[in-house]
C-alpha atoms as a PDB file:
ATOM      1  CA  GLN A   1       0.000   0.000   0.000  1.00  0.00           C
ATOM      2  CA  VAL A   2       1.518   3.282  -1.105  1.00  0.00           C
ATOM      3  CA  GLN A   3       1.552   6.021   1.501  1.00  0.00           C
ATOM      4  CA  LEU A   4       2.212   9.699   0.901  1.00  0.00           C
ATOM      5  CA  VAL A   5       4.246  11.355   3.635  1.00  0.00           C
ATOM      6  CA  GLU A   6       4.036  15.125   3.908  1.00  0.00           C
ATOM      7  CA  SER A   7       6.313  17.553   5.695  1.00  0.00           C
ATOM      8  CA  GLY A   8       6.963  21.268   6.001  1.00  0.00           C
ATOM      9  CA  GLY A   9       3.794  22.801   7.408  1.00  0.00           C
ATOM     10  CA  GLY A  10       3.749  25.220  10.308  1.00  0.00           C
ATOM     11  CA  LEU A  11       3.069  28.743  11.504  1.00  0.00           C
ATOM     12  CA  VAL A  12       4.381  31.694   9.525  1.00  0.00           C
ATOM     13  CA  GLN A  13       3.788  35.426   9.516  1.00  0.00           C
ATOM     14  CA  PRO A  14       2.074  37.152   6.585  1.00  0.00           C
ATOM     15  CA  GLY A  15       4.564  37.704   3.794  1.00  0.00           C
ATOM     16  CA  GLY A  16       6.643  34.734   4.874  1.00  0.00           C
ATOM     17  CA  SER A  17       7.508  31.509   3.086  1.00  0.00           C
ATOM     18  CA  LEU A  18       7.107  27.794   3.631  1.00  0.00           C
ATOM     19  CA  ARG A  19       8.047  24.753   1.594  1.00  0.00           C
ATOM     20  CA  LEU A  20       5.899  21.634   1.636  1.00  0.00           C
ATOM     21  CA  SER A  21       7.177  18.264   0.486  1.00  0.00           C
ATOM     22  CA  CYS A  22       5.457  14.955  -0.118  1.00  0.00           C
ATOM     23  CA  ALA A  23       7.095  11.639  -0.898  1.00  0.00           C
ATOM     24  CA  ALA A  24       5.656   8.257  -1.777  1.00  0.00           C
ATOM     25  CA  SER A  25       6.646   5.368   0.490  1.00  0.00           C
ATOM     26  CA  GLN A  26       7.265   3.101  -2.501  1.00  0.00           C
ATOM     27  CA  THR A  27       8.547   3.441  -6.018  1.00  0.00           C
ATOM     28  CA  LEU A  28       5.722   4.263  -8.420  1.00  0.00           C
ATOM     29  CA  PHE A  29       5.820   2.365 -11.710  1.00  0.00           C
ATOM     30  CA  SER A  30       3.335   4.434 -13.605  1.00  0.00           C
ATOM     31  CA  ARG A  31       2.778   8.040 -14.521  1.00  0.00           C
ATOM     32  CA  TYR A  32       1.152  10.208 -11.905  1.00  0.00           C
ATOM     33  CA  VAL A  33      -0.129  13.730 -11.795  1.00  0.00           C
ATOM     34  CA  MET A  34       1.132  15.128  -8.498  1.00  0.00           C
ATOM     35  CA  GLY A  35      -0.684  17.937  -6.792  1.00  0.00           C
ATOM     36  CA  TRP A  36      -1.535  19.888  -3.689  1.00  0.00           C
ATOM     37  CA  TYR A  37      -5.014  20.610  -2.382  1.00  0.00           C
ATOM     38  CA  ARG A  38      -6.050  22.603   0.650  1.00  0.00           C
ATOM     39  CA  GLN A  39      -9.067  22.798   2.893  1.00  0.00           C
ATOM     40  CA  ALA A  40      -9.813  25.700   5.178  1.00  0.00           C
ATOM     41  CA  PRO A  41     -12.321  25.400   8.041  1.00  0.00           C
ATOM     42  CA  GLY A  42     -15.867  25.447   6.746  1.00  0.00           C
ATOM     43  CA  LYS A  43     -14.763  25.334   3.102  1.00  0.00           C
ATOM     44  CA  GLN A  44     -14.482  22.675   0.446  1.00  0.00           C
ATOM     45  CA  ARG A  45     -11.165  21.152  -0.493  1.00  0.00           C
ATOM     46  CA  GLU A  46      -9.683  23.007  -3.460  1.00  0.00           C
ATOM     47  CA  LEU A  47      -6.854  22.425  -5.883  1.00  0.00           C
ATOM     48  CA  VAL A  48      -3.816  24.599  -5.241  1.00  0.00           C
ATOM     49  CA  ALA A  49      -1.437  23.348  -7.906  1.00  0.00           C
ATOM     50  CA  SER A  50      -0.676  20.244  -9.932  1.00  0.00           C
ATOM     51  CA  ILE A  51       2.069  19.009 -12.205  1.00  0.00           C
ATOM     52  CA  THR A  52       1.985  16.211 -14.767  1.00  0.00           C
ATOM     53  CA  SER A  53       4.648  13.567 -15.273  1.00  0.00           C
ATOM     54  CA  GLY A  54       5.831  15.641 -18.219  1.00  0.00           C
ATOM     55  CA  GLY A  55       6.293  18.718 -16.058  1.00  0.00           C
ATOM     56  CA  LEU A  56       3.208  20.712 -17.091  1.00  0.00           C
ATOM     57  CA  ALA A  57       2.117  22.764 -14.088  1.00  0.00           C
ATOM     58  CA  ASN A  58      -1.292  24.193 -13.291  1.00  0.00           C
ATOM     59  CA  ASP A  59      -1.833  26.745 -10.507  1.00  0.00           C
ATOM     60  CA  ALA A  60      -4.994  28.117  -8.951  1.00  0.00           C
ATOM     61  CA  ASP A  61      -5.538  31.800  -9.695  1.00  0.00           C
ATOM     62  CA  SER A  62      -5.335  32.612  -5.994  1.00  0.00           C
ATOM     63  CA  VAL A  63      -1.719  31.430  -5.782  1.00  0.00           C
ATOM     64  CA  LYS A  64      -0.314  32.390  -9.188  1.00  0.00           C
ATOM     65  CA  GLY A  65       2.981  34.192  -8.871  1.00  0.00           C
ATOM     66  CA  ARG A  66       3.355  33.195  -5.210  1.00  0.00           C
ATOM     67  CA  PHE A  67       3.416  29.383  -5.143  1.00  0.00           C
ATOM     68  CA  THR A  68       5.575  27.090  -7.267  1.00  0.00           C
ATOM     69  CA  ILE A  69       5.061  23.359  -7.611  1.00  0.00           C
ATOM     70  CA  SER A  70       7.902  21.040  -8.593  1.00  0.00           C
ATOM     71  CA  ARG A  71       8.534  17.318  -8.703  1.00  0.00           C
ATOM     72  CA  ASP A  72      11.417  14.874  -8.536  1.00  0.00           C
ATOM     73  CA  ASN A  73      10.416  11.752 -10.423  1.00  0.00           C
ATOM     74  CA  ALA A  74      13.449   9.786  -9.284  1.00  0.00           C
ATOM     75  CA  LYS A  75      12.431  10.328  -5.654  1.00  0.00           C
ATOM     76  CA  ASN A  76       8.658  10.099  -6.243  1.00  0.00           C
ATOM     77  CA  MET A  77       8.386  13.476  -4.571  1.00  0.00           C
ATOM     78  CA  VAL A  78       6.449  16.685  -5.087  1.00  0.00           C
ATOM     79  CA  SER A  79       7.132  20.019  -3.415  1.00  0.00           C
ATOM     80  CA  LEU A  80       5.273  23.291  -3.072  1.00  0.00           C
ATOM     81  CA  GLN A  81       7.238  26.474  -2.480  1.00  0.00           C
ATOM     82  CA  MET A  82       4.919  29.058  -0.959  1.00  0.00           C
ATOM     83  CA  ASN A  83       6.028  32.679  -0.880  1.00  0.00           C
ATOM     84  CA  SER A  84       4.266  35.910   0.091  1.00  0.00           C
ATOM     85  CA  LEU A  85       1.871  33.948   2.257  1.00  0.00           C
ATOM     86  CA  LYS A  86      -1.424  35.529   3.238  1.00  0.00           C
ATOM     87  CA  PRO A  87      -3.799  34.764   6.126  1.00  0.00           C
ATOM     88  CA  GLU A  88      -6.261  33.379   3.583  1.00  0.00           C
ATOM     89  CA  ASP A  89      -3.715  30.695   2.709  1.00  0.00           C
ATOM     90  CA  THR A  90      -4.336  29.150   6.140  1.00  0.00           C
ATOM     91  CA  ALA A  91      -5.590  25.610   5.640  1.00  0.00           C
ATOM     92  CA  VAL A  92      -4.720  21.953   5.865  1.00  0.00           C
ATOM     93  CA  TYR A  93      -2.695  21.086   2.780  1.00  0.00           C
ATOM     94  CA  TYR A  94      -2.958  17.616   1.221  1.00  0.00           C
ATOM     95  CA  CYS A  95      -0.737  16.102  -1.415  1.00  0.00           C
ATOM     96  CA  ASN A  96      -2.344  13.983  -4.093  1.00  0.00           C
ATOM     97  CA  PHE A  97      -0.944  11.510  -6.614  1.00  0.00           C
ATOM     98  CA  ARG A  98      -3.333  10.583  -9.421  1.00  0.00           C
ATOM     99  CA  ASN A  99      -2.520   7.836 -11.913  1.00  0.00           C
ATOM    100  CA  GLU A 100      -2.653   9.379 -15.384  1.00  0.00           C
ATOM    101  CA  TYR A 101      -4.149   6.207 -16.881  1.00  0.00           C
ATOM    102  CA  SER A 102      -6.423   4.645 -14.259  1.00  0.00           C
ATOM    103  CA  GLN A 103      -7.148   7.878 -12.345  1.00  0.00           C
ATOM    104  CA  PHE A 104      -6.525   5.969  -9.096  1.00  0.00           C
ATOM    105  CA  THR A 105      -5.651   8.490  -6.427  1.00  0.00           C
ATOM    106  CA  TYR A 106      -3.514   8.517  -3.294  1.00  0.00           C
ATOM    107  CA  TRP A 107      -3.840  11.183  -0.608  1.00  0.00           C
ATOM    108  CA  GLY A 108      -1.451  12.373   2.050  1.00  0.00           C
ATOM    109  CA  GLN A 109      -2.535  12.767   5.651  1.00  0.00           C
ATOM    110  CA  GLY A 110      -2.520  16.556   5.509  1.00  0.00           C
ATOM    111  CA  THR A 111      -0.269  19.199   7.017  1.00  0.00           C
ATOM    112  CA  GLN A 112      -1.424  22.391   8.704  1.00  0.00           C
ATOM    113  CA  VAL A 113      -0.309  25.756   7.349  1.00  0.00           C
ATOM    114  CA  THR A 114      -1.202  28.765   9.465  1.00  0.00           C
ATOM    115  CA  VAL A 115      -0.455  32.307   8.350  1.00  0.00           C
ATOM    116  CA  SER A 116      -0.878  34.714  11.210  1.00  0.00           C
ATOM    117  CA  SER A 117       0.876  37.569  12.943  1.00  0.00           C
END
């Protein structure tokens, strides 16, 4: 059973930066879209950013120019560099690996990001 292990969440002041990382516990032998979602209290989970196995990235409008997603296929890892953080970025962030063929999806356990002064 593949598990996704996340790291890097925490408390940061507005305008600060954090880097989230997520790694699969096993080698993946197929192509996966890797992404990050977030869920704030009382809101639905939303896509933050995703990146295909070929490196094509897609960012939500709310994070364009501030967040950058990247992946390391050799390490089965995806990262999210978050700069210029705002209080509205506060949420639990989940990584997501979706098989590009079968659409089967793995989820991480979630990591809390809190932006507050």
